[in-house]
Amino acid sequence: MARRNSLNRIVGGVALSTLLLLSACDKDALTPPTASNVPAELQDVFTRYVAIGNSITAGMQGFGISDATQLQAYPVLLAQQLGLDVPTLANPVTKEFNVPLLQGPGCPPPIINIFTQERIGGADQTTCLYRTEPIPEFINNLAFPGADVAETFDYYDPAVAGSFTDVFKTFLLGGRTQLEIATELEPTFITVWIGSGDALNAIQDQADPGNASIYPDAAQFAAWYSELMDGLDAIGSILGGVLIGAVQVGGAPYVSVGGAYFQAAQQIPTLTVDANCLATAPIPGSAQTASVLVPFHYGAVLMGQAAAGIPTTLDCSVPQVITATEAAALIATIAQYNAVIEQAADDLGWIYVDPNELLLQLAQDPTAIRPFPAFSDLDPQHLTAPFGWALSTDGLHPSASAQVLVANALIAAINAEYGTTIDLIATQ
């Protein structure tokens, strides 16, 4: 596993002040009152809703997070449809469902141009603002960017690869784990979307994104996930829940199949793409095959050079590219993750939702998901939605529109399980 980086990269003294504020709250203050406007047929199950997860659940967009993006995350949308009072920019604290909001433009502010790395407000990746005041006495969306499965119940696990996002554990949760806070809140309903981050750590690695040592194998994942489920089961107050599977990150437009670059080379005289970029490999346990994957952080640099008239070659045998064999292993491992998650849902009598079904549907629409370098400078959405309307500007995290689709998928699953008639959120 990779090294654990220093926690002071972003937050500094800000995290300490937040920690002191949160630690001043006692257990009674952390337990929210019974919701007053939940429909009668949902009163028992959906009174206290808590969300556990990582960057997608927290509301990260464009490799940034702020109060604006946090309020667009699916847990807030779901809570609102359940009839719970949810925060707004004007009223950041409620008595029923709260979020650890970060003042705009964010911590760090979201990227608005993936090619220049321009962020909202002219900030950079080191910019980090304070928590929005007043700070609520309890929070219901416990997710933080970069969360691994083990970090939901173990604040420091030497077996978990560290990253600069570890600061969010302190900054948003005040030095406690998601499981600890959930236990204090005594939720009646819970959603858990964890596991995708374990795989995302791999494809974002700058040196060797296909290295299997970066992400846990299926056995390790199962052990960690089981420990989380045991902890949630021990709370005793949970009447229902939804477990969401891990995303097949190879389908995110942040990583493009080598063939996309091969096609681009037909139009760019200064770009040469080696034949090894077209390689495929069988996916273990599946009749399908995997292709070479080129991470955006590597391929975009080469495309920039070629566009500037510099003769450039993409060789897909280098460590910075995910080989077909490595991609096949990653896809197979994530499938094993999801088998673990689905079994856990069955064991607890909770709902299982596979997010990859939605991802596959969106992939059929080239305006929703479009991998780099399939778009051109002539496209008016080249900068505002470079990876399609369903993805934020980083090519990994859902856009606000896609967060609505996630919330609706959960609502549909809840309605099917409980026979409820919770309204879907209108989409454009």
Foldseek 3Di string as FASTA:
>chain_A
DAAADDQCQAQPCQLVVVLVVQVVFDLVLQAFDFFDFFPPLCRQQARAEAEEEADQQCQDFQNWDFQVRSCLFLVNVLCVLRGGDAADPVRQDDRHAHFQGFHPCGQPRHALFPLVSQGPPRDHNNDGGHTDPPGGNYHRYQYYHLDALLQQQDLDDVLAHHDNSNNCCSRGVSSHHNLVSCLSHLHQEYEYEHDQSLLVQLLPDQAFSLDPSSHDFLVVLLVSNVVSLVSVVVSPNHNAYEYEAHALQLLFLQKDQLVVQVVVCVVQVLEAEDPQSADWAAQPPDPDIFGKIQGNVPVVVQVVCSVVVHRGYDDQVHSNINGNVSSSPSNNRSVSRLVSRVVSCVVVVYHYHYCVVVSVVQVVPCQAAPHPPPDDPVDPCCRRCVGHQQGGRSRRHGDSLVSLVVSQSVVVRCCVSSVDDRDRDDHD
